[in-house]
Amino acid sequence: MQFESDEHEEGTVLEVLQKGYLLNDRLLRPATVKVSKKPDKS
């Protein structure tokens, strides 16, 4: 999920919506995060 922001650098994780989960060094569920992007100039 991406969120337009002038306050943060593009690609910065703003919020973790759902924590990821590892079991014995295997990824069972990746984290779901909100990431900043630059606003459209149109």
Protein backbone atom coordinates (compact mmCIF):
# COMPACT_ATOMS: atom_id res chain seq x y z
CA MET A 1 0.00 0.00 0.00
CA GLN A 2 1.41 3.41 -0.93
CA PHE A 3 0.60 6.78 0.62
CA GLU A 4 1.47 10.16 -0.92
CA SER A 5 3.60 12.29 1.40
CA ASP A 6 5.75 15.42 1.09
CA GLU A 7 7.06 14.93 4.64
CA HIS A 8 8.85 11.60 4.08
CA GLU A 9 11.40 10.33 1.58
CA GLU A 10 9.99 8.03 -1.11
CA GLY A 11 10.09 4.37 -0.07
CA THR A 12 9.99 5.04 3.68
CA VAL A 13 7.86 2.60 5.69
CA LEU A 14 5.23 4.74 7.44
CA GLU A 15 3.25 2.06 9.25
CA VAL A 16 3.23 -1.71 9.73
CA LEU A 17 -0.34 -2.86 9.10
CA GLN A 18 0.24 -6.58 9.70
CA LYS A 19 3.36 -8.06 11.25
CA GLY A 20 5.27 -10.68 9.27
CA TYR A 21 5.99 -14.11 10.69
CA LEU A 22 9.07 -16.35 10.53
CA LEU A 23 9.28 -19.94 11.76
CA ASN A 24 12.65 -21.71 11.82
CA ASP A 25 14.12 -19.08 9.43
CA ARG A 26 11.29 -19.66 6.91
CA LEU A 27 8.96 -16.84 5.93
CA LEU A 28 5.38 -17.86 6.64
CA ARG A 29 3.74 -14.45 6.19
CA PRO A 30 5.39 -11.26 4.88
CA ALA A 31 4.64 -7.99 6.64
CA THR A 32 2.01 -5.68 5.17
CA VAL A 33 3.20 -2.06 5.30
CA LYS A 34 2.23 1.46 4.23
CA VAL A 35 5.03 3.07 2.16
CA SER A 36 5.48 6.73 1.23
CA LYS A 37 5.61 7.95 -2.35
CA LYS A 38 5.94 11.39 -3.91
CA PRO A 39 2.65 13.10 -4.79
CA ASP A 40 1.67 13.41 -8.46
CA LYS A 41 2.44 16.84 -9.95
CA SER A 42 -0.72 17.00 -12.08
